[in-house]
Amino acid sequence: MDLDLAQVRAFVLTAQELHFGRAAATLSISQQALSKRIARLESGLGAELFHRGGHGVRLTEAGRRFLDPARRALAAAERAVAAVRDERRPLRVDVWGHLYAPMRTLAQVAAHAPEPAMELGHGRDLPAVAAALLRGDVDAAFGRVHPPLPEGLTHRLVRLEPVDVILGADHPLAGEAALRPGHLAESVLWTPGALDRLDFLHRFAERFGVRAHAEGPNLGAEHFLAGLSGDVRRFALMPADVPLPRIPGIRSVPLVDPTPLYAWSLLWRGDGGRRTGAGHPFLDTLLEAFAAEAGRARWLEYDPARDWLPGPDS
């Protein structure tokens, strides 16, 4: 049979999400249209690819066998298209983790790259950016990578950034010159969204015994940090290099013994044995620029006796 790539892409995204609604939203089509594409694919293959029932969506054995070749077929099609595109187009890079200002690091690297032709976009979170990479909508992405990461993607650690605690002036610990993370156990972690969806903050709270948390919407750093005033016990965590908005009465205090580190990575489509997969020719240049800047600015220094990384990062 001649494979219809739209049907194959619908299958791959549904296999990744194991949810028809989320896969349809990623493709910007209705759930009914997605179901029809997969049904036509199953009809052509003569096999069911998904179990559909009250316990959710699961791959059948045929679906599991088809998934990896299907991903390779999509990647080959994307390489064919890329071969005739204008190679001078900008490298499309999505970022996520916007409260922690990933553009700071990208701007610093781009300033030293020989050909910093980048077109920057904003992804909602890691799953959304990963889906965009697998579809070929973007060439690379930048943010904190944590499991589970879909197959077909590769990432490289490029920066470990110390994290400070941000306190309001009335917090009992606001006068300290430095704090250990354990000192925050009786305080309230203020988060930009649900804690279980914020991997780094969730792991920090578990590791250092922070039992109480409160959450507000992520409407930018100024709005978020102004929310510290809602409870004198609240604290927030921010990378040390993030410029703080001018909000009266907040201060940044270094965390020590250990110092939490936020891990930034560059993420792209391809397997571990191939640097750029079907990627843009500037991707190698960007990787080299990150390596050079990491060496110059000592971005990858890590001492487990002095620093703390969440389990997956370390």
Protein backbone atom coordinates (compact mmCIF):
# COMPACT_ATOMS: atom_id res chain seq x y z
CA MET A 1 0.00 0.00 0.00
CA ASP A 2 1.02 3.65 -0.40
CA LEU A 3 1.23 5.16 3.07
CA ASP A 4 -0.62 8.42 3.59
CA LEU A 5 1.74 10.51 5.72
CA ALA A 6 -1.13 12.48 7.29
CA GLN A 7 -2.54 9.20 8.54
CA VAL A 8 0.89 8.05 9.76
CA ARG A 9 1.42 11.34 11.60
CA ALA A 10 -2.01 11.00 13.25
CA PHE A 11 -1.05 7.51 14.42
CA VAL A 12 2.37 8.56 15.76
CA LEU A 13 0.98 11.50 17.73
CA THR A 14 -1.84 9.39 19.19
CA ALA A 15 0.67 6.69 20.14
CA GLN A 16 2.74 9.37 21.86
CA GLU A 17 -0.18 10.91 23.77
CA LEU A 18 -2.30 7.75 24.19
CA HIS A 19 -5.21 10.18 24.05
CA PHE A 20 -7.23 11.00 20.93
CA GLY A 21 -8.30 14.44 22.15
CA ARG A 22 -4.77 15.67 22.91
CA ALA A 23 -3.39 14.27 19.65
CA ALA A 24 -6.17 15.98 17.67
CA ALA A 25 -5.48 19.29 19.44
CA THR A 26 -1.78 19.03 18.58
CA LEU A 27 -2.67 18.54 14.90
CA SER A 28 -5.29 21.31 15.06
CA ILE A 29 -8.01 18.98 13.74
CA SER A 30 -11.16 17.58 15.30
CA GLN A 31 -11.09 14.32 17.22
CA GLN A 32 -13.48 12.87 14.65
CA ALA A 33 -11.09 13.73 11.79
CA LEU A 34 -8.20 12.16 13.71
CA SER A 35 -10.20 8.97 14.32
CA LYS A 36 -11.07 8.75 10.62
CA ARG A 37 -7.43 9.06 9.59
CA ILE A 38 -6.39 6.28 11.94
CA ALA A 39 -9.32 4.09 10.88
CA ARG A 40 -8.32 4.48 7.20
CA LEU A 41 -4.73 3.61 8.09
CA GLU A 42 -5.85 0.51 10.01
CA SER A 43 -8.08 -0.51 7.10
CA GLY A 44 -5.19 -0.23 4.65
CA LEU A 45 -2.83 -2.15 6.93
CA GLY A 46 -5.45 -4.77 7.74
CA ALA A 47 -4.74 -4.53 11.47
CA GLU A 48 -5.95 -2.63 14.51
CA LEU A 49 -3.28 -0.31 15.90
CA PHE A 50 -5.02 0.74 19.13
CA HIS A 51 -7.12 -0.88 21.82
CA ARG A 52 -9.97 1.52 22.53
CA GLY A 53 -12.02 0.99 25.63
CA GLY A 54 -13.01 2.08 29.09
CA HIS A 55 -9.41 1.78 30.31
CA GLY A 56 -8.11 4.35 27.84
CA VAL A 57 -6.12 4.02 24.64
CA ARG A 58 -3.36 1.40 24.32
CA LEU A 59 -1.24 0.22 21.42
CA THR A 60 -1.94 -3.24 20.09
CA GLU A 61 0.98 -5.53 19.32
CA ALA A 62 0.67 -4.48 15.65
CA GLY A 63 0.70 -0.84 16.76
CA ARG A 64 3.87 -1.35 18.76
CA ARG A 65 5.58 -2.97 15.77
CA PHE A 66 4.42 -0.18 13.45
CA LEU A 67 5.43 2.76 15.68
CA ASP A 68 9.19 2.91 15.15
CA PRO A 69 9.08 2.37 11.35
CA ALA A 70 6.28 4.96 11.19
CA ARG A 71 8.48 7.52 12.95
CA ARG A 72 11.34 6.74 10.56
CA ALA A 73 9.00 7.16 7.58
CA LEU A 74 7.96 10.62 8.80
CA ALA A 75 11.60 11.60 9.40
CA ALA A 76 12.55 10.44 5.88
CA ALA A 77 9.71 12.48 4.38
CA GLU A 78 10.87 15.54 6.31
CA ARG A 79 14.44 15.04 5.05
CA ALA A 80 13.11 14.85 1.49
CA VAL A 81 11.30 18.16 1.94
CA ALA A 82 14.32 19.74 3.64
CA ALA A 83 16.54 18.73 0.71
CA VAL A 84 14.73 21.16 -1.60
CA ARG A 85 14.08 23.96 0.89
CA ASP A 86 16.08 27.13 0.99
CA GLU A 87 18.84 26.29 3.47
CA ARG A 88 19.20 29.95 4.29
CA ARG A 89 15.93 30.00 6.24
CA PRO A 90 16.35 30.72 9.97
CA LEU A 91 16.73 27.91 12.46
CA ARG A 92 13.34 27.58 14.18
CA VAL A 93 13.83 27.27 17.95
CA ASP A 94 11.03 26.95 20.51
CA VAL A 95 11.64 27.70 24.18
CA TRP A 96 9.67 26.73 27.26
CA GLY A 97 9.96 27.48 30.98
CA HIS A 98 9.25 31.15 30.25
CA LEU A 99 9.18 32.36 33.85
CA TYR A 100 12.84 31.36 34.10
CA ALA A 101 13.65 33.47 31.01
CA PRO A 102 15.33 31.01 28.63
CA MET A 103 15.86 33.81 26.10
CA ARG A 104 18.68 35.18 28.31
CA THR A 105 20.84 32.17 27.60
CA LEU A 106 19.92 31.91 23.92
CA ALA A 107 20.73 35.59 23.40
CA GLN A 108 24.13 35.17 25.06
CA VAL A 109 24.97 32.21 22.82
CA ALA A 110 23.61 33.80 19.65
CA ALA A 111 25.78 36.85 20.22
CA HIS A 112 28.89 34.69 19.82
CA ALA A 113 27.62 32.32 17.09
CA PRO A 114 29.01 32.95 13.60
CA GLU A 115 25.58 32.76 11.92
CA PRO A 116 22.91 33.34 14.57
CA ALA A 117 19.97 33.14 12.15
CA MET A 118 17.25 31.98 14.52
CA GLU A 119 13.48 32.31 14.50
CA LEU A 120 12.27 31.99 18.08
CA GLY A 121 8.92 30.69 19.25
CA HIS A 122 7.23 29.92 22.58
CA GLY A 123 6.04 26.44 23.51
CA ARG A 124 3.60 25.84 26.34
CA ASP A 125 5.65 23.09 28.02
CA LEU A 126 8.01 20.20 27.25
CA PRO A 127 5.31 17.81 25.88
CA ALA A 128 3.98 20.50 23.50
CA VAL A 129 7.48 21.40 22.28
CA ALA A 130 8.41 17.72 21.85
CA ALA A 131 5.31 17.20 19.70
CA ALA A 132 6.25 20.23 17.56
CA LEU A 133 9.75 18.80 17.05
CA LEU A 134 8.43 15.38 16.06
CA ARG A 135 6.04 17.01 13.56
CA GLY A 136 8.91 19.02 12.07
CA ASP A 137 7.29 22.35 12.97
CA VAL A 138 10.52 23.48 14.69
CA ASP A 139 14.17 22.46 14.31
CA ALA A 140 15.30 22.64 17.94
CA ALA A 141 14.10 23.64 21.38
CA PHE A 142 15.61 24.99 24.57
CA GLY A 143 14.51 24.44 28.17
CA ARG A 144 14.69 21.90 30.99
CA VAL A 145 14.32 18.30 29.81
CA HIS A 146 12.89 15.68 32.15
CA PRO A 147 11.40 12.21 31.65
CA PRO A 148 9.40 10.87 30.01
CA LEU A 149 10.89 12.13 26.75
CA PRO A 150 9.34 10.72 23.55
CA GLU A 151 11.45 8.46 21.37
CA GLY A 152 13.03 10.12 18.37
CA LEU A 153 14.40 13.12 20.28
CA THR A 154 17.93 13.86 21.49
CA HIS A 155 19.03 16.46 24.00
CA ARG A 156 22.30 17.87 25.26
CA LEU A 157 22.87 19.54 28.61
CA VAL A 158 24.23 23.04 27.97
CA ARG A 159 23.91 24.96 31.25
CA LEU A 160 23.57 24.34 34.99
CA GLU A 161 22.27 27.51 36.64
CA PRO A 162 22.27 28.16 40.40
CA VAL A 163 18.84 28.84 41.87
CA ASP A 164 18.11 31.53 44.49
CA VAL A 165 15.18 31.81 46.87
CA ILE A 166 13.00 34.92 46.52
CA LEU A 167 11.43 36.20 49.73
CA GLY A 168 9.17 39.05 50.75
CA ALA A 169 10.52 41.56 53.26
CA ASP A 170 8.26 40.19 56.02
CA HIS A 171 9.33 36.56 55.63
CA PRO A 172 10.99 35.31 58.84
CA LEU A 173 14.15 34.39 56.88
CA ALA A 174 14.35 37.56 54.77
CA GLY A 175 17.29 38.96 56.73
CA GLU A 176 19.62 36.01 56.12
CA ALA A 177 22.66 36.43 53.87
CA ALA A 178 22.32 32.84 52.61
CA LEU A 179 20.03 29.89 53.33
CA ARG A 180 20.18 26.14 53.16
CA PRO A 181 17.24 24.59 51.26
CA GLY A 182 16.22 22.71 54.40
CA HIS A 183 15.63 26.04 56.16
CA LEU A 184 12.57 26.47 53.89
CA ALA A 185 10.78 23.32 55.10
CA GLU A 186 8.28 25.29 57.22
CA SER A 187 7.67 27.91 54.54
CA VAL A 188 5.15 27.87 51.67
CA LEU A 189 6.43 27.23 48.15
CA TRP A 190 4.75 29.70 45.75
CA THR A 191 4.44 28.14 42.27
CA PRO A 192 3.31 29.41 38.84
CA GLY A 193 0.76 26.63 38.35
CA ALA A 194 0.01 23.18 39.75
CA LEU A 195 3.04 21.75 41.57
CA ASP A 196 2.65 18.27 40.07
CA ARG A 197 3.13 19.78 36.58
CA LEU A 198 6.33 21.64 37.54
CA ASP A 199 8.95 18.91 37.68
CA PHE A 200 11.88 20.88 39.15
CA LEU A 201 9.82 22.56 41.89
CA HIS A 202 8.02 19.31 42.70
CA ARG A 203 11.32 17.47 43.16
CA PHE A 204 12.77 20.32 45.23
CA ALA A 205 9.78 20.23 47.60
CA GLU A 206 10.08 16.45 47.98
CA ARG A 207 13.84 16.48 48.54
CA PHE A 208 13.91 19.27 51.14
CA GLY A 209 10.70 18.52 53.00
CA VAL A 210 8.62 21.51 51.90
CA ARG A 211 5.11 20.30 52.67
CA ALA A 212 3.06 23.46 52.01
CA HIS A 213 2.62 25.17 48.68
CA ALA A 214 0.31 27.67 47.03
CA GLU A 215 -0.13 28.39 43.36
CA GLY A 216 -1.01 31.28 41.11
CA PRO A 217 -1.19 31.83 37.34
CA ASN A 218 1.96 32.33 35.31
CA LEU A 219 1.38 35.84 33.98
CA GLY A 220 5.03 36.81 33.97
CA ALA A 221 7.68 37.33 36.65
CA GLU A 222 6.33 40.65 37.94
CA HIS A 223 2.80 39.33 38.51
CA PHE A 224 4.09 36.03 39.91
CA LEU A 225 6.54 37.52 42.40
CA ALA A 226 4.01 40.14 43.51
CA GLY A 227 1.99 37.15 44.73
CA LEU A 228 4.56 36.55 47.49
CA SER A 229 2.76 39.25 49.45
CA GLY A 230 -0.29 36.99 49.84
CA ASP A 231 1.35 35.13 52.75
CA VAL A 232 4.47 36.17 54.70
CA ARG A 233 5.64 32.52 54.68
CA ARG A 234 5.72 32.25 50.88
CA PHE A 235 8.91 31.85 48.89
CA ALA A 236 9.70 31.33 45.21
CA LEU A 237 12.66 29.82 43.40
CA MET A 238 14.29 31.60 40.46
CA PRO A 239 17.58 31.14 38.57
CA ALA A 240 20.22 33.45 39.98
CA ASP A 241 20.79 35.26 36.68
CA VAL A 242 17.14 36.17 36.07
CA PRO A 243 16.70 39.94 36.40
CA LEU A 244 14.08 40.54 39.09
CA PRO A 245 11.29 43.06 38.49
CA ARG A 246 11.30 46.18 40.66
CA ILE A 247 8.82 45.07 43.29
CA PRO A 248 9.21 46.78 46.67
CA GLY A 249 10.13 44.46 49.51
CA ILE A 250 11.35 41.34 47.69
CA ARG A 251 14.89 40.10 47.82
CA SER A 252 16.96 37.28 46.38
CA VAL A 253 18.92 35.08 48.80
CA PRO A 254 21.49 32.50 47.64
CA LEU A 255 20.87 28.86 48.52
CA VAL A 256 23.89 26.92 49.76
CA ASP A 257 24.87 23.51 51.16
CA PRO A 258 23.62 22.41 48.68
CA THR A 259 23.00 24.91 45.90
CA PRO A 260 20.11 23.77 43.66
CA LEU A 261 21.01 23.82 39.95
CA TYR A 262 18.52 24.24 37.12
CA ALA A 263 19.53 22.18 34.08
CA TRP A 264 19.02 23.77 30.64
CA SER A 265 19.24 21.58 27.54
CA LEU A 266 19.05 21.92 23.77
CA LEU A 267 16.60 19.42 22.30
CA TRP A 268 16.25 18.30 18.69
CA ARG A 269 14.88 15.53 16.50
CA GLY A 270 17.21 12.60 15.90
CA ASP A 271 18.66 9.58 17.64
CA GLY A 272 21.65 9.52 19.94
CA GLY A 273 24.03 8.49 17.18
CA ARG A 274 23.14 11.38 14.91
CA ARG A 275 23.77 14.96 15.96
CA THR A 276 21.09 16.67 13.93
CA GLY A 277 18.83 13.96 12.51
CA ALA A 278 16.88 15.62 9.71
CA GLY A 279 17.81 19.00 11.05
CA HIS A 280 18.78 22.42 9.84
CA PRO A 281 22.43 23.00 8.84
CA PHE A 282 22.78 25.74 11.48
CA LEU A 283 21.98 23.29 14.31
CA ASP A 284 25.56 22.02 14.44
CA THR A 285 26.78 25.61 14.59
CA LEU A 286 24.43 26.35 17.47
CA LEU A 287 25.59 23.27 19.38
CA GLU A 288 29.20 24.36 18.94
CA ALA A 289 28.33 27.90 20.10
CA PHE A 290 26.66 26.50 23.24
CA ALA A 291 29.74 24.37 23.98
CA ALA A 292 32.05 27.35 23.54
CA GLU A 293 29.93 29.60 25.78
CA ALA A 294 29.58 26.88 28.42
CA GLY A 295 33.37 26.60 28.55
CA ARG A 296 33.90 30.37 28.66
CA ALA A 297 31.23 31.04 31.31
CA ARG A 298 31.79 27.78 33.27
CA TRP A 299 28.16 26.79 32.81
CA LEU A 300 28.62 23.07 33.40
CA GLU A 301 30.46 23.06 36.72
CA TYR A 302 28.88 20.57 39.13
CA ASP A 303 30.12 19.28 42.47
CA PRO A 304 27.74 16.73 44.06
CA ALA A 305 29.20 17.56 47.48
CA ARG A 306 28.20 21.20 47.05
CA ASP A 307 25.33 21.24 44.53
CA TRP A 308 21.93 19.55 44.14
CA LEU A 309 20.28 18.32 40.95
CA PRO A 310 17.01 16.40 40.75
CA GLY A 311 17.52 12.67 40.23
CA PRO A 312 16.86 12.58 36.45
CA ASP A 313 19.20 15.55 35.87
CA SER A 314 22.10 14.19 37.92
